[in-house]
Amino acid sequence: MENMLADVYERLGDEESRRLFTLRVMYCVTGNKEFAREMGIRNPIWQGVLKLMDENKGHNYLFGAGAFGRDVLSYTPRLWEKILDNNESLHGNMIGGVAVALPDSIRGDKEARAYIAARKSNMNYQAAMLDQLHGLGVGDEQIIRLDEVVAEMEGKQYFDLPYLENSGEEVFVDAGCFDGRTSLEFAKWAKKYRHIYCFEPSAENRKNCKKNLSSLPKDKWTLIPKGAWNKSEMLHFHEDFDSSSLSDEGEIEVPVASIDDELRGKGVTFIKMDIEGAESKALEGARMTIKNDKPKLAICVYHRKEDIVDIPRQILSYNDEYRFYLRHYTFWGEETVLYAI
């Protein structure tokens, strides 16, 4: 195991990558959230939020004691004055060492800053929380929506690495394109490009892809109604909004195919993969593309514990000319991306 770790570590191209690799490995081995918290702290956007909270200590209120709020709390200890929630059964309780209170508790605190912990998928709930805070005298300048912070962090994903070179003739593969927004970000980054190929097995997600990608020239993108895999076959698929995945327990069957077969001769220059643990199989299906064309790679390595070590070694087995970089895009344990260039 030590040799396997060393094989990857010596290929990491900068100090930030080496530090994140160490933290990621420790988090995978121990499950200790402190290592995930340290990964998040290294993200400059989250650094700014933590600095703001530290400067306002004693006046930070977390609004929302649901799943998202508890996730936030577990990665931001010792920074909260109170947790605000409208669920009366929680009032007076302690969550993570912080008291849960009525939202009215924020009234009169002129230095208060309220952090709304509600998912972007629940816009009506967010709007009600905003209205409630306004009614309690909290101004917009005192309110931070944590879903927007997460969106900003994740919005930098795949294209912010300073070592990525843009050829002006890029052919981009978006494996697991979800709603197509990553492909839109690619188009902004590339400015000029030859083509975008999107793999997406979910029919519902493809509708959103078509809608979002309609702003791009029609002859510049192709939506492939398949999952990226190591060969052509039908597999069971579990559909679940933003975390759909191939699964033996999936309720529907979808077609899957390899990048090598689907895009042979297309001159692929850049591959991104975020496919809920199927990255290794999809890389196997891109073996010849990686060997012959050496495209830039941006691969998520957080879905399975072993991916942080196994995926870079797998890439090197296809083409040993790559250098690796790591970046992390949330304040919790998800969204660690391996760049190979």
Protein backbone atom coordinates (compact mmCIF):
# COMPACT_ATOMS: atom_id res chain seq x y z
CA MET A 1 0.00 0.00 0.00
CA GLU A 2 2.84 2.42 0.82
CA ASN A 3 4.31 1.86 -2.64
CA MET A 4 0.93 2.54 -4.25
CA LEU A 5 0.59 5.80 -2.33
CA ALA A 6 4.15 6.79 -3.25
CA ASP A 7 3.48 6.07 -6.94
CA VAL A 8 0.71 8.67 -6.94
CA TYR A 9 2.33 11.16 -4.57
CA GLU A 10 5.47 11.54 -6.68
CA ARG A 11 3.35 12.42 -9.73
CA LEU A 12 1.52 15.29 -7.97
CA GLY A 13 2.49 18.58 -9.54
CA ASP A 14 2.23 21.13 -6.73
CA GLU A 15 2.14 21.50 -2.95
CA GLU A 16 -1.62 22.09 -2.85
CA SER A 17 -2.18 18.75 -4.57
CA ARG A 18 0.17 16.94 -2.19
CA ARG A 19 -1.60 18.40 0.85
CA LEU A 20 -5.05 17.52 -0.49
CA PHE A 21 -3.91 14.01 -1.37
CA THR A 22 -2.73 13.44 2.20
CA LEU A 23 -5.98 14.81 3.66
CA ARG A 24 -8.14 12.81 1.25
CA VAL A 25 -6.32 9.56 2.03
CA MET A 26 -6.61 10.19 5.77
CA TYR A 27 -10.31 10.98 5.45
CA CYS A 28 -10.90 7.80 3.45
CA VAL A 29 -8.96 5.66 5.92
CA THR A 30 -10.37 7.11 9.15
CA GLY A 31 -13.71 8.67 8.23
CA ASN A 32 -12.78 11.56 10.52
CA LYS A 33 -14.61 14.69 9.32
CA GLU A 34 -11.79 16.87 10.56
CA PHE A 35 -9.78 15.84 7.49
CA ALA A 36 -12.71 16.76 5.21
CA ARG A 37 -13.03 20.09 7.03
CA GLU A 38 -9.34 20.74 6.38
CA MET A 39 -9.87 20.03 2.68
CA GLY A 40 -12.70 22.56 2.60
CA ILE A 41 -10.63 25.20 4.37
CA ARG A 42 -8.15 25.05 1.49
CA ASN A 43 -10.80 26.30 -0.95
CA PRO A 44 -10.39 30.11 -1.29
CA ILE A 45 -14.14 30.78 -1.48
CA TRP A 46 -14.79 28.89 1.75
CA GLN A 47 -11.79 30.58 3.34
CA GLY A 48 -13.52 33.90 2.74
CA VAL A 49 -16.75 32.72 4.39
CA LEU A 50 -14.90 31.37 7.43
CA LYS A 51 -12.98 34.63 7.78
CA LEU A 52 -16.26 36.55 7.74
CA MET A 53 -17.71 34.23 10.38
CA ASP A 54 -14.63 34.44 12.58
CA GLU A 55 -14.71 38.24 12.48
CA ASN A 56 -18.41 38.17 13.44
CA LYS A 57 -18.13 35.54 16.18
CA GLY A 58 -20.99 35.71 18.65
CA HIS A 59 -23.42 36.95 16.01
CA ASN A 60 -23.55 34.06 13.50
CA TYR A 61 -26.93 32.32 13.22
CA LEU A 62 -27.48 29.12 11.26
CA PHE A 63 -31.06 29.13 9.97
CA GLY A 64 -32.21 25.57 9.34
CA ALA A 65 -31.69 22.47 11.48
CA GLY A 66 -32.48 19.99 8.71
CA ALA A 67 -30.05 17.68 6.95
CA PHE A 68 -28.22 20.47 5.13
CA GLY A 69 -27.96 22.57 8.29
CA ARG A 70 -26.58 19.66 10.28
CA ASP A 71 -24.02 18.97 7.55
CA VAL A 72 -22.91 22.59 7.70
CA LEU A 73 -22.74 22.45 11.49
CA SER A 74 -20.58 19.33 11.50
CA TYR A 75 -17.94 21.07 9.36
CA THR A 76 -18.08 24.46 11.09
CA PRO A 77 -17.79 23.80 14.82
CA ARG A 78 -17.47 26.59 17.39
CA LEU A 79 -18.63 29.35 15.03
CA TRP A 80 -22.36 29.60 15.77
CA GLU A 81 -24.28 31.63 18.30
CA LYS A 82 -27.54 29.73 17.75
CA ILE A 83 -29.35 27.47 15.32
CA LEU A 84 -32.68 28.95 14.24
CA ASP A 85 -35.54 26.67 13.25
CA ASN A 86 -39.33 26.85 13.12
CA ASN A 87 -39.71 23.28 14.41
CA GLU A 88 -40.85 23.85 17.98
CA SER A 89 -39.98 20.28 19.01
CA LEU A 90 -36.29 21.17 18.55
CA HIS A 91 -36.32 24.34 20.64
CA GLY A 92 -34.13 24.09 23.72
CA ASN A 93 -32.23 21.13 22.31
CA MET A 94 -28.53 21.14 21.50
CA ILE A 95 -27.19 20.02 18.11
CA GLY A 96 -23.44 19.72 17.87
CA GLY A 97 -23.08 21.76 21.02
CA VAL A 98 -25.21 24.65 19.69
CA ALA A 99 -28.65 25.58 21.06
CA VAL A 100 -31.69 25.46 18.77
CA ALA A 101 -33.99 28.46 19.18
CA LEU A 102 -36.91 30.30 17.60
CA PRO A 103 -35.98 32.47 14.60
CA ASP A 104 -37.25 35.38 16.70
CA SER A 105 -34.04 35.02 18.73
CA ILE A 106 -32.18 37.01 16.08
CA ARG A 107 -34.39 40.06 16.51
CA GLY A 108 -32.53 43.05 17.89
CA ASP A 109 -29.01 41.77 17.16
CA LYS A 110 -27.73 44.60 14.97
CA GLU A 111 -24.53 42.68 14.18
CA ALA A 112 -26.33 39.48 13.29
CA ARG A 113 -25.49 37.52 10.19
CA ALA A 114 -27.90 34.77 9.19
CA TYR A 115 -26.74 31.79 7.12
CA ILE A 116 -29.66 30.06 5.41
CA ALA A 117 -29.15 26.29 5.19
CA ALA A 118 -31.68 25.14 2.58
CA ARG A 119 -31.04 23.26 -0.64
CA LYS A 120 -31.47 25.03 -3.97
CA SER A 121 -34.06 22.37 -4.85
CA ASN A 122 -36.43 23.84 -2.24
CA MET A 123 -36.85 27.39 -3.49
CA ASN A 124 -40.25 27.95 -1.84
CA TYR A 125 -38.78 27.09 1.55
CA GLN A 126 -35.85 29.43 0.96
CA ALA A 127 -38.18 32.27 -0.02
CA ALA A 128 -40.21 31.78 3.17
CA MET A 129 -37.03 31.84 5.26
CA LEU A 130 -35.91 35.07 3.59
CA ASP A 131 -39.30 36.68 4.20
CA GLN A 132 -39.19 35.62 7.83
CA LEU A 133 -35.74 37.12 8.36
CA HIS A 134 -36.81 40.37 6.70
CA GLY A 135 -39.79 40.49 9.06
CA LEU A 136 -37.40 40.14 12.00
CA GLY A 137 -35.42 43.17 10.88
CA VAL A 138 -32.55 41.30 9.20
CA GLY A 139 -31.45 43.03 5.99
CA ASP A 140 -30.28 41.39 2.80
CA GLU A 141 -26.71 42.49 3.54
CA GLN A 142 -26.85 40.38 6.72
CA ILE A 143 -28.05 37.21 4.97
CA ILE A 144 -25.90 34.57 3.29
CA ARG A 145 -27.48 31.68 1.40
CA LEU A 146 -25.20 28.70 1.87
CA ASP A 147 -26.54 26.99 -1.26
CA GLU A 148 -25.19 29.94 -3.25
CA VAL A 149 -21.79 29.56 -1.56
CA VAL A 150 -21.74 25.87 -2.53
CA ALA A 151 -22.81 26.73 -6.09
CA GLU A 152 -20.00 29.27 -6.37
CA MET A 153 -17.46 26.73 -5.12
CA GLU A 154 -18.69 24.00 -7.43
CA GLY A 155 -18.96 26.47 -10.32
CA LYS A 156 -15.15 26.74 -10.37
CA GLN A 157 -14.87 22.99 -10.77
CA TYR A 158 -13.02 21.45 -13.73
CA PHE A 159 -11.69 24.67 -15.31
CA ASP A 160 -9.95 26.77 -12.64
CA LEU A 161 -6.65 24.86 -12.51
CA PRO A 162 -4.01 27.34 -13.75
CA TYR A 163 -2.03 24.58 -15.45
CA LEU A 164 -4.83 23.73 -17.91
CA GLU A 165 -3.90 24.87 -21.42
CA ASN A 166 -6.58 25.76 -23.93
CA SER A 167 -5.67 24.72 -27.48
CA GLY A 168 -8.48 26.68 -29.13
CA GLU A 169 -9.45 23.42 -30.86
CA GLU A 170 -10.79 21.53 -27.87
CA VAL A 171 -13.03 18.46 -28.17
CA PHE A 172 -14.69 18.10 -24.77
CA VAL A 173 -16.33 14.98 -23.32
CA ASP A 174 -18.78 15.63 -20.48
CA ALA A 175 -19.35 12.18 -18.94
CA GLY A 176 -22.28 12.54 -16.57
CA CYS A 177 -23.40 15.90 -17.91
CA PHE A 178 -26.49 16.06 -15.61
CA ASP A 179 -28.07 19.39 -16.67
CA GLY A 180 -25.39 20.50 -19.13
CA ARG A 181 -24.07 23.36 -17.01
CA THR A 182 -20.53 21.96 -16.92
CA SER A 183 -20.52 21.96 -20.71
CA LEU A 184 -21.65 25.58 -20.67
CA GLU A 185 -18.77 26.41 -18.32
CA PHE A 186 -16.43 24.59 -20.69
CA ALA A 187 -17.67 26.74 -23.58
CA LYS A 188 -16.95 29.88 -21.53
CA TRP A 189 -13.47 28.60 -20.65
CA ALA A 190 -12.58 27.46 -24.15
CA LYS A 191 -14.18 30.38 -26.05
CA LYS A 192 -13.27 28.63 -29.30
CA TYR A 193 -13.71 24.86 -29.50
CA ARG A 194 -14.48 22.15 -32.02
CA HIS A 195 -17.18 20.12 -30.27
CA ILE A 196 -18.80 19.02 -26.99
CA TYR A 197 -19.97 15.42 -26.48
CA CYS A 198 -22.30 14.83 -23.53
CA PHE A 199 -22.95 11.37 -22.08
CA GLU A 200 -26.18 11.25 -20.04
CA PRO A 201 -28.32 8.11 -19.50
CA SER A 202 -31.15 9.87 -17.62
CA ALA A 203 -34.05 10.93 -19.85
CA GLU A 204 -35.11 13.61 -17.37
CA ASN A 205 -31.59 15.02 -17.17
CA ARG A 206 -31.32 15.05 -20.95
CA LYS A 207 -34.36 17.34 -21.13
CA ASN A 208 -32.55 19.84 -18.91
CA CYS A 209 -29.35 19.40 -20.94
CA LYS A 210 -31.13 20.23 -24.19
CA LYS A 211 -32.72 23.29 -22.61
CA ASN A 212 -29.44 24.61 -21.18
CA LEU A 213 -27.28 23.75 -24.18
CA SER A 214 -29.71 25.42 -26.59
CA SER A 215 -27.79 28.65 -26.02
CA LEU A 216 -24.80 27.11 -27.85
CA PRO A 217 -24.60 26.64 -31.63
CA LYS A 218 -26.45 23.44 -32.55
CA ASP A 219 -23.55 22.09 -34.59
CA LYS A 220 -21.16 22.43 -31.63
CA TRP A 221 -22.63 19.84 -29.27
CA THR A 222 -23.96 16.29 -29.31
CA LEU A 223 -26.03 14.68 -26.56
CA ILE A 224 -25.33 10.94 -26.34
CA PRO A 225 -28.25 9.15 -24.56
CA LYS A 226 -25.97 6.63 -22.85
CA GLY A 227 -23.88 6.26 -19.74
CA ALA A 228 -20.09 6.16 -20.05
CA TRP A 229 -18.83 2.64 -19.35
CA ASN A 230 -16.19 0.14 -20.49
CA LYS A 231 -18.37 -1.55 -23.15
CA SER A 232 -21.78 -1.43 -24.81
CA GLU A 233 -24.57 -3.08 -22.83
CA MET A 234 -27.77 -2.41 -20.87
CA LEU A 235 -27.44 -1.77 -17.13
CA HIS A 236 -29.81 -1.02 -14.27
CA PHE A 237 -30.01 2.65 -13.33
CA HIS A 238 -31.27 4.48 -10.23
CA GLU A 239 -32.65 7.94 -10.96
CA ASP A 240 -32.44 10.44 -8.10
CA PHE A 241 -32.25 14.14 -9.14
CA ASP A 242 -28.56 15.14 -8.87
CA SER A 243 -27.14 11.77 -7.78
CA SER A 244 -28.49 9.28 -10.31
CA SER A 245 -26.24 6.27 -10.76
CA LEU A 246 -25.77 2.87 -12.32
CA SER A 247 -26.88 0.32 -9.73
CA ASP A 248 -27.91 -3.33 -9.61
CA GLU A 249 -30.93 -2.15 -7.60
CA GLY A 250 -31.87 0.45 -10.23
CA GLU A 251 -35.51 0.58 -11.26
CA ILE A 252 -34.89 1.13 -15.00
CA GLU A 253 -32.43 -0.10 -17.63
CA VAL A 254 -30.29 2.28 -19.67
CA PRO A 255 -27.74 1.83 -22.48
CA VAL A 256 -24.05 2.37 -21.71
CA ALA A 257 -21.05 2.54 -24.03
CA SER A 258 -17.34 3.27 -24.07
CA ILE A 259 -15.78 6.59 -25.06
CA ASP A 260 -13.37 4.68 -27.31
CA ASP A 261 -16.25 3.17 -29.31
CA GLU A 262 -18.50 6.21 -29.41
CA LEU A 263 -15.85 8.83 -30.20
CA ARG A 264 -13.18 6.97 -32.15
CA GLY A 265 -11.43 9.38 -34.50
CA LYS A 266 -13.01 12.50 -32.98
CA GLY A 267 -9.72 13.84 -31.60
CA VAL A 268 -10.82 14.12 -27.97
CA THR A 269 -8.70 16.65 -26.03
CA PHE A 270 -10.47 16.97 -22.66
CA ILE A 271 -12.52 14.45 -20.63
CA LYS A 272 -14.49 15.29 -17.48
CA MET A 273 -16.11 12.53 -15.40
CA ASP A 274 -18.53 12.82 -12.48
CA ILE A 275 -20.52 9.58 -12.68
CA GLU A 276 -21.21 8.48 -9.12
CA GLY A 277 -18.55 5.79 -8.75
CA ALA A 278 -18.48 4.54 -12.35
CA GLU A 279 -15.36 6.57 -13.18
CA SER A 280 -13.00 3.58 -13.19
CA LYS A 281 -15.16 1.61 -15.64
CA ALA A 282 -15.56 4.67 -17.88
CA LEU A 283 -11.80 5.28 -17.87
CA GLU A 284 -11.31 1.66 -18.89
CA GLY A 285 -13.62 2.42 -21.80
CA ALA A 286 -11.45 5.42 -22.73
CA ARG A 287 -8.22 3.47 -22.54
CA MET A 288 -7.17 3.86 -26.19
CA THR A 289 -8.16 7.54 -26.27
CA ILE A 290 -5.98 8.17 -23.22
CA LYS A 291 -3.13 6.09 -24.62
CA ASN A 292 -3.09 7.58 -28.11
CA ASP A 293 -4.36 11.15 -27.66
CA LYS A 294 -3.41 12.01 -24.04
CA PRO A 295 -6.43 14.25 -23.44
CA LYS A 296 -6.63 16.46 -20.37
CA LEU A 297 -8.61 14.65 -17.66
CA ALA A 298 -10.75 16.02 -14.83
CA ILE A 299 -12.01 13.01 -12.86
CA CYS A 300 -14.00 12.98 -9.61
CA VAL A 301 -12.22 10.81 -7.05
CA TYR A 302 -14.53 11.00 -4.02
CA HIS A 303 -17.32 8.52 -4.78
CA ARG A 304 -15.33 5.46 -3.66
CA LYS A 305 -12.67 5.45 -0.97
CA GLU A 306 -10.13 3.65 -3.14
CA ASP A 307 -10.47 6.06 -6.08
CA ILE A 308 -7.97 8.59 -4.72
CA VAL A 309 -5.22 5.99 -5.24
CA ASP A 310 -6.62 3.57 -7.81
CA ILE A 311 -7.76 6.05 -10.45
CA PRO A 312 -4.44 7.88 -10.90
CA ARG A 313 -2.62 4.53 -11.03
CA GLN A 314 -5.15 3.31 -13.60
CA ILE A 315 -4.53 6.39 -15.76
CA LEU A 316 -0.76 5.88 -15.57
CA SER A 317 -1.20 2.27 -16.69
CA TYR A 318 -2.70 3.61 -19.94
CA ASN A 319 -0.30 6.52 -20.40
CA ASP A 320 2.59 7.19 -18.02
CA GLU A 321 3.27 10.73 -19.28
CA TYR A 322 0.66 12.40 -17.04
CA ARG A 323 1.22 14.74 -14.08
CA PHE A 324 -1.56 15.00 -11.51
CA TYR A 325 -3.19 17.85 -9.62
CA LEU A 326 -5.96 17.82 -7.01
CA ARG A 327 -8.49 20.48 -6.08
CA HIS A 328 -11.47 20.38 -3.70
CA TYR A 329 -14.76 22.23 -4.25
CA THR A 330 -16.94 21.92 -1.14
CA PHE A 331 -16.55 22.47 2.58
CA TRP A 332 -17.37 18.78 3.21
CA GLY A 333 -15.94 15.53 1.86
CA GLU A 334 -17.38 15.58 -1.68
CA GLU A 335 -16.21 17.14 -4.95
CA THR A 336 -12.50 16.29 -5.00
CA VAL A 337 -11.25 16.41 -8.59
CA LEU A 338 -8.14 14.77 -10.01
CA TYR A 339 -6.63 16.62 -12.96
CA ALA A 340 -4.30 14.74 -15.28
CA ILE A 341 -2.36 16.79 -17.82
